[in-house]
Amino acid sequence: MKLKRLKEVYKKKASLLLAFALLGSIGLAGCQNQEALENQKAYRQLGINKLSEGSYEEAAEAFQKALDQSQAVVGDMEIDICYYKATAQYKSGDLKGALATCKALIDYDKKNYKAYFLRGCIYLKEENQEKTMKDYQKAFETSGNDYELYVSAYESLKNAGWDSEAEEVLEAAEKLKAEKPEEYRERGHIYLLQEDYDNAKKELDKAINQKDVKALLYLAQVYEAQGDMDQANALYESYISKNNSDVSTLVIMGDMQMSEGNYSQALGFYEQALSVENPPNEQQLRRNEIIACEQMLDFEKAREKMLAYLKDYPEDEEAQREYVFLQTR
């Protein structure tokens, strides 16, 4: 039996090596030395950086170079890099390349739920409903109680206009059993998406009682959806006090304060969001800062922030006109 299992392992590795070679990923000779390993890690990090910047083609190239360092070694690192490469290919619009990379991953490991899910997203972009749902289902079956995977599938399907399929995914997620705090939280999130606010509160309360901080965020959204802004604000603030680096929540709080005319508080939330390293949507956040300053009639501070903004975003013609206006105030 041991010999049979060893043969299966070698067969899988040979299959993945061949797939990588056909994809132009690695050679089929040699063992990975220390220098190649260090180069691989460096290219992998470069790819991740480019991916976060939205430079998807450059990211795919970097991940390719990382795989080129493998020298016929296939391990967790290579699998991880290959998945990153498929993601970069998908985001760059190279759907054919992404499908080929996903296939290599799945051929190597039939239980790689991430590869199934990504391939489902690719088929969704190609509007192949049957293959999309088949791969999503396979991802669910092999991932265990991964509620967030169901939510991601729901959002992708909803954004594509496949409403009935999206609802089917949520209904399937309801059948999962919850035992851990994060599972109660995600069950609450599922009910929130279904606008079943009573059940959402019950599940989220269970998570909060077990010290799950993120559940506060979803419970705030429940109260916001019901129009209870005082309770929603209190919960948002409680969440931020425990997790002050969550940029998306800080922006929500800033926007809520802006809509209520509390411009000083809004500015504080925007500034807090910008204090996080590499915040997403930094340009829009900085524009929000300036608007808050203008609403506070603090034109000197608005001018200072606008001048700094224009140094970084000189192509923003609307901001250039606004700066001229601020010069007169």
Protein backbone atom coordinates (compact mmCIF):
# COMPACT_ATOMS: atom_id res chain seq x y z
CA MET A 1 0.00 0.00 0.00
CA LYS A 2 2.85 2.41 0.84
CA LEU A 3 4.46 1.74 -2.54
CA LYS A 4 1.16 2.43 -4.29
CA ARG A 5 0.73 5.74 -2.48
CA LEU A 6 4.29 6.75 -3.32
CA LYS A 7 3.68 6.00 -6.98
CA GLU A 8 0.52 8.16 -6.88
CA VAL A 9 2.45 11.04 -5.31
CA TYR A 10 5.22 10.84 -7.92
CA LYS A 11 2.63 10.61 -10.67
CA LYS A 12 0.88 13.77 -9.43
CA LYS A 13 4.16 15.67 -9.19
CA ALA A 14 5.19 14.57 -12.66
CA SER A 15 1.79 15.63 -13.97
CA LEU A 16 2.09 19.09 -12.41
CA LEU A 17 5.69 19.49 -13.57
CA LEU A 18 4.63 18.66 -17.11
CA ALA A 19 1.70 21.07 -16.87
CA PHE A 20 3.98 23.82 -15.57
CA ALA A 21 6.46 23.13 -18.34
CA LEU A 22 3.75 23.37 -20.99
CA LEU A 23 2.69 26.67 -19.42
CA GLY A 24 6.26 27.90 -19.70
CA SER A 25 6.70 27.78 -15.96
CA ILE A 26 9.71 25.66 -15.10
CA GLY A 27 12.33 23.39 -16.53
CA LEU A 28 12.31 19.68 -15.89
CA ALA A 29 15.79 19.20 -14.50
CA GLY A 30 17.79 19.93 -11.39
CA CYS A 31 17.10 20.50 -7.70
CA GLN A 32 16.31 23.86 -6.16
CA ASN A 33 19.34 25.45 -4.51
CA GLN A 34 19.39 28.23 -1.89
CA GLU A 35 20.00 31.01 -4.41
CA ALA A 36 17.05 29.87 -6.54
CA LEU A 37 14.85 29.70 -3.43
CA GLU A 38 15.76 33.27 -2.43
CA ASN A 39 15.10 34.48 -5.99
CA GLN A 40 11.79 32.66 -5.97
CA LYS A 41 10.71 34.38 -2.75
CA ALA A 42 11.77 37.77 -4.12
CA TYR A 43 9.83 37.33 -7.38
CA ARG A 44 6.81 36.05 -5.44
CA GLN A 45 6.81 39.18 -3.25
CA LEU A 46 7.23 41.38 -6.30
CA GLY A 47 4.24 39.67 -7.88
CA ILE A 48 2.14 40.22 -4.75
CA ASN A 49 3.12 43.90 -4.69
CA LYS A 50 2.22 44.33 -8.36
CA LEU A 51 -1.07 42.50 -7.78
CA SER A 52 -2.00 44.88 -4.95
CA GLU A 53 -1.11 47.87 -7.18
CA GLY A 54 -3.39 46.62 -9.96
CA SER A 55 -0.46 45.95 -12.33
CA TYR A 56 -1.80 42.52 -13.22
CA GLU A 57 0.31 41.73 -16.29
CA GLU A 58 3.50 42.63 -14.44
CA ALA A 59 2.30 40.53 -11.50
CA ALA A 60 1.76 37.51 -13.75
CA GLU A 61 5.27 37.97 -15.19
CA ALA A 62 6.77 38.13 -11.70
CA PHE A 63 4.97 34.97 -10.60
CA GLN A 64 6.15 33.29 -13.79
CA LYS A 65 9.75 34.20 -12.94
CA ALA A 66 9.20 32.84 -9.43
CA LEU A 67 8.04 29.54 -10.91
CA ASP A 68 11.07 29.53 -13.23
CA GLN A 69 13.24 29.22 -10.10
CA SER A 70 11.56 25.97 -9.03
CA GLN A 71 14.04 23.67 -10.82
CA ALA A 72 11.62 20.71 -10.84
CA VAL A 73 10.72 21.13 -7.17
CA VAL A 74 6.97 21.07 -6.47
CA GLY A 75 5.84 22.00 -2.98
CA ASP A 76 3.48 24.31 -1.14
CA MET A 77 5.42 27.36 -2.35
CA GLU A 78 5.02 26.43 -6.01
CA ILE A 79 1.31 25.69 -5.56
CA ASP A 80 0.85 29.04 -3.82
CA ILE A 81 2.71 30.92 -6.57
CA CYS A 82 0.77 29.11 -9.28
CA TYR A 83 -2.52 30.18 -7.69
CA TYR A 84 -1.31 33.78 -7.48
CA LYS A 85 -0.30 33.58 -11.14
CA ALA A 86 -3.76 32.32 -12.13
CA THR A 87 -5.33 35.20 -10.17
CA ALA A 88 -3.10 37.76 -11.91
CA GLN A 89 -3.90 36.24 -15.31
CA TYR A 90 -7.62 36.39 -14.55
CA LYS A 91 -7.48 40.00 -13.43
CA SER A 92 -5.40 41.01 -16.45
CA GLY A 93 -8.01 39.54 -18.80
CA ASP A 94 -5.90 36.55 -19.86
CA LEU A 95 -8.75 34.11 -19.28
CA LYS A 96 -7.23 31.38 -21.45
CA GLY A 97 -3.98 31.50 -19.50
CA ALA A 98 -5.82 31.57 -16.17
CA LEU A 99 -7.90 28.52 -17.15
CA ALA A 100 -4.75 26.60 -18.12
CA THR A 101 -3.07 27.44 -14.82
CA CYS A 102 -6.17 26.45 -12.82
CA LYS A 103 -6.34 23.17 -14.72
CA ALA A 104 -2.73 22.42 -13.79
CA LEU A 105 -3.54 23.04 -10.13
CA ILE A 106 -6.67 20.90 -10.20
CA ASP A 107 -4.93 18.07 -12.07
CA TYR A 108 -2.35 18.04 -9.30
CA ASP A 109 -4.84 18.26 -6.42
CA LYS A 110 -8.50 17.41 -6.99
CA LYS A 111 -9.35 19.00 -3.63
CA ASN A 112 -7.85 22.43 -4.36
CA TYR A 113 -11.02 24.40 -3.67
CA LYS A 114 -9.35 27.76 -4.38
CA ALA A 115 -8.52 26.65 -7.91
CA TYR A 116 -12.07 25.39 -8.46
CA PHE A 117 -13.49 28.67 -7.17
CA LEU A 118 -11.21 30.82 -9.33
CA ARG A 119 -12.00 28.72 -12.38
CA GLY A 120 -15.69 29.18 -11.59
CA CYS A 121 -15.12 32.96 -11.58
CA ILE A 122 -13.42 32.69 -14.98
CA TYR A 123 -16.35 30.73 -16.40
CA LEU A 124 -18.68 33.34 -14.89
CA LYS A 125 -16.84 36.04 -16.82
CA GLU A 126 -17.28 33.92 -19.95
CA GLU A 127 -21.01 33.64 -19.08
CA ASN A 128 -20.83 29.84 -18.99
CA GLN A 129 -23.48 29.21 -16.36
CA GLU A 130 -23.24 25.42 -16.23
CA LYS A 131 -19.47 25.32 -15.74
CA THR A 132 -19.57 28.22 -13.27
CA MET A 133 -22.05 26.53 -10.95
CA LYS A 134 -20.33 23.16 -11.30
CA ASP A 135 -16.97 24.58 -10.21
CA TYR A 136 -18.49 26.66 -7.41
CA GLN A 137 -20.24 23.53 -6.12
CA LYS A 138 -16.96 21.60 -6.26
CA ALA A 139 -15.27 24.41 -4.33
CA PHE A 140 -17.98 24.26 -1.64
CA GLU A 141 -17.69 20.48 -1.34
CA THR A 142 -13.92 20.54 -0.85
CA SER A 143 -13.62 23.65 1.36
CA GLY A 144 -15.56 22.53 4.43
CA ASN A 145 -17.52 25.11 6.41
CA ASP A 146 -16.11 28.09 4.50
CA TYR A 147 -19.01 30.55 4.74
CA GLU A 148 -16.95 33.36 3.22
CA LEU A 149 -16.50 31.30 0.05
CA TYR A 150 -20.29 31.10 -0.27
CA VAL A 151 -20.58 34.86 0.25
CA SER A 152 -17.92 35.52 -2.39
CA ALA A 153 -19.78 33.28 -4.83
CA TYR A 154 -23.06 35.02 -3.99
CA GLU A 155 -21.59 38.47 -4.61
CA SER A 156 -19.98 37.41 -7.89
CA LEU A 157 -23.23 35.89 -9.15
CA LYS A 158 -25.28 38.87 -7.95
CA ASN A 159 -22.95 41.33 -9.69
CA ALA A 160 -23.30 39.31 -12.89
CA GLY A 161 -27.09 39.56 -12.68
CA TRP A 162 -27.58 35.87 -11.93
CA ASP A 163 -29.97 36.51 -9.04
CA SER A 164 -31.60 33.09 -8.78
CA GLU A 165 -28.23 31.31 -8.76
CA ALA A 166 -26.98 33.77 -6.13
CA GLU A 167 -29.96 32.99 -3.89
CA GLU A 168 -29.34 29.26 -4.34
CA VAL A 169 -25.83 29.74 -2.97
CA LEU A 170 -27.14 31.50 0.16
CA GLU A 171 -29.75 28.80 0.70
CA ALA A 172 -27.01 26.17 0.49
CA ALA A 173 -24.91 28.12 3.02
CA GLU A 174 -27.82 28.12 5.48
CA LYS A 175 -27.55 24.32 5.72
CA LEU A 176 -24.02 24.48 7.10
CA LYS A 177 -23.67 23.91 10.85
CA ALA A 178 -22.06 26.56 13.02
CA GLU A 179 -19.92 25.75 16.05
CA LYS A 180 -17.19 28.40 16.13
CA PRO A 181 -17.70 32.16 16.77
CA GLU A 182 -16.66 33.08 13.21
CA GLU A 183 -19.16 30.56 11.83
CA TYR A 184 -22.02 32.11 13.82
CA ARG A 185 -20.85 35.49 12.54
CA GLU A 186 -20.90 34.36 8.92
CA ARG A 187 -24.32 32.74 9.37
CA GLY A 188 -25.48 36.13 10.60
CA HIS A 189 -23.93 37.71 7.52
CA ILE A 190 -25.83 35.26 5.31
CA TYR A 191 -29.12 36.22 6.98
CA LEU A 192 -28.21 39.91 6.61
CA LEU A 193 -27.77 39.44 2.86
CA GLN A 194 -31.17 37.73 2.75
CA GLU A 195 -32.68 40.66 4.71
CA ASP A 196 -33.75 38.24 7.46
CA TYR A 197 -32.76 40.65 10.21
CA ASP A 198 -34.22 38.75 13.19
CA ASN A 199 -32.19 35.62 12.47
CA ALA A 200 -29.17 37.75 11.60
CA LYS A 201 -29.28 39.34 15.06
CA LYS A 202 -29.59 35.95 16.78
CA GLU A 203 -26.54 34.50 15.03
CA LEU A 204 -24.46 37.67 15.39
CA ASP A 205 -25.27 37.92 19.10
CA LYS A 206 -23.94 34.36 19.54
CA ALA A 207 -20.69 35.39 17.84
CA ILE A 208 -20.38 38.62 19.85
CA ASN A 209 -20.96 36.73 23.11
CA GLN A 210 -17.93 34.62 22.12
CA LYS A 211 -15.80 37.76 21.56
CA ASP A 212 -15.94 37.85 17.75
CA VAL A 213 -15.18 41.50 16.93
CA LYS A 214 -16.15 41.43 13.25
CA ALA A 215 -19.69 40.42 14.21
CA LEU A 216 -20.12 43.97 15.58
CA LEU A 217 -19.64 45.29 12.04
CA TYR A 218 -22.36 43.07 10.58
CA LEU A 219 -24.72 43.83 13.46
CA ALA A 220 -24.18 47.55 12.79
CA GLN A 221 -25.18 46.92 9.18
CA VAL A 222 -28.33 45.13 10.35
CA TYR A 223 -29.40 48.15 12.40
CA GLU A 224 -28.44 50.51 9.57
CA ALA A 225 -30.62 48.50 7.17
CA GLN A 226 -33.49 48.82 9.66
CA GLY A 227 -33.00 52.59 9.87
CA ASP A 228 -31.77 52.62 13.49
CA MET A 229 -28.79 54.91 12.89
CA ASP A 230 -28.08 55.61 16.58
CA GLN A 231 -27.59 51.92 17.33
CA ALA A 232 -25.68 51.42 14.07
CA ASN A 233 -23.30 54.31 14.88
CA ALA A 234 -22.69 52.96 18.38
CA LEU A 235 -21.82 49.52 17.01
CA TYR A 236 -19.57 50.94 14.27
CA GLU A 237 -17.69 52.98 16.87
CA SER A 238 -17.39 49.93 19.14
CA TYR A 239 -15.99 47.93 16.23
CA ILE A 240 -13.49 50.65 15.29
CA SER A 241 -12.31 50.97 18.90
CA LYS A 242 -11.35 47.29 18.73
CA ASN A 243 -10.12 47.28 15.13
CA ASN A 244 -8.96 50.76 14.18
CA SER A 245 -7.14 49.65 11.00
CA ASP A 246 -10.27 48.58 9.09
CA VAL A 247 -10.26 51.20 6.34
CA SER A 248 -13.62 50.25 4.81
CA THR A 249 -15.41 50.71 8.14
CA LEU A 250 -13.62 53.99 8.82
CA VAL A 251 -14.81 55.24 5.42
CA ILE A 252 -18.37 54.13 6.18
CA MET A 253 -18.23 56.02 9.46
CA GLY A 254 -16.77 59.09 7.74
CA ASP A 255 -19.48 59.05 5.08
CA MET A 256 -22.21 58.62 7.70
CA GLN A 257 -20.90 61.59 9.68
CA MET A 258 -20.68 63.67 6.50
CA SER A 259 -24.33 62.90 5.65
CA GLU A 260 -25.34 63.97 9.15
CA GLY A 261 -23.36 67.23 8.92
CA ASN A 262 -20.75 66.19 11.50
CA TYR A 263 -17.83 67.29 9.35
CA SER A 264 -15.17 67.40 12.06
CA GLN A 265 -15.91 63.82 13.08
CA ALA A 266 -15.99 62.76 9.41
CA LEU A 267 -12.56 64.30 8.88
CA GLY A 268 -11.25 62.38 11.87
CA PHE A 269 -12.40 59.07 10.40
CA TYR A 270 -10.91 59.87 6.97
CA GLU A 271 -7.59 60.86 8.56
CA GLN A 272 -7.59 57.66 10.60
CA ALA A 273 -8.20 55.63 7.43
CA LEU A 274 -5.32 57.39 5.68
CA SER A 275 -2.97 56.64 8.58
CA VAL A 276 -3.08 52.94 7.66
CA GLU A 277 -0.20 51.75 5.48
CA ASN A 278 -1.17 51.66 1.78
CA PRO A 279 -4.88 52.36 2.28
CA PRO A 280 -7.15 51.34 -0.62
CA ASN A 281 -8.81 54.18 -2.56
CA GLU A 282 -6.29 56.65 -1.12
CA GLN A 283 -7.06 59.25 -3.80
CA GLN A 284 -10.78 59.31 -2.99
CA LEU A 285 -10.06 59.39 0.74
CA ARG A 286 -7.88 62.46 0.31
CA ARG A 287 -10.61 64.18 -1.73
CA ASN A 288 -13.06 63.38 1.08
CA GLU A 289 -10.68 65.01 3.56
CA ILE A 290 -10.64 68.21 1.51
CA ILE A 291 -14.44 68.27 1.17
CA ALA A 292 -14.80 67.85 4.95
CA CYS A 293 -12.41 70.77 5.53
CA GLU A 294 -14.40 72.94 3.08
CA GLN A 295 -17.65 72.09 4.82
CA MET A 296 -16.06 73.09 8.13
CA LEU A 297 -15.08 76.42 6.43
CA ASP A 298 -11.46 75.63 7.27
CA PHE A 299 -10.21 76.85 3.89
CA GLU A 300 -6.58 77.17 4.96
CA LYS A 301 -6.43 73.47 5.84
CA ALA A 302 -8.35 72.62 2.67
CA ARG A 303 -5.81 74.56 0.57
CA GLU A 304 -2.88 72.77 2.23
CA LYS A 305 -4.41 69.36 1.63
CA MET A 306 -5.39 70.24 -1.93
CA LEU A 307 -1.87 71.44 -2.76
CA ALA A 308 -0.40 68.15 -1.47
CA TYR A 309 -3.11 66.22 -3.33
CA LEU A 310 -2.33 67.92 -6.65
CA LYS A 311 1.37 67.09 -6.32
CA ASP A 312 0.41 63.41 -6.26
CA TYR A 313 -2.56 63.58 -8.67
CA PRO A 314 -1.80 66.43 -11.13
CA GLU A 315 -4.10 64.90 -13.76
CA ASP A 316 -7.23 65.67 -11.69
CA GLU A 317 -8.55 68.70 -13.60
CA GLU A 318 -11.57 69.15 -11.35
CA ALA A 319 -9.27 69.37 -8.32
CA GLN A 320 -7.11 71.94 -10.17
CA ARG A 321 -10.17 74.15 -10.71
CA GLU A 322 -11.22 73.71 -7.11
CA TYR A 323 -7.75 74.76 -5.94
CA VAL A 324 -8.07 78.00 -7.89
CA PHE A 325 -11.40 78.58 -6.10
CA LEU A 326 -9.82 77.86 -2.71
CA GLN A 327 -7.15 80.45 -3.40
CA THR A 328 -9.87 83.11 -3.34
CA ARG A 329 -11.30 82.06 0.03
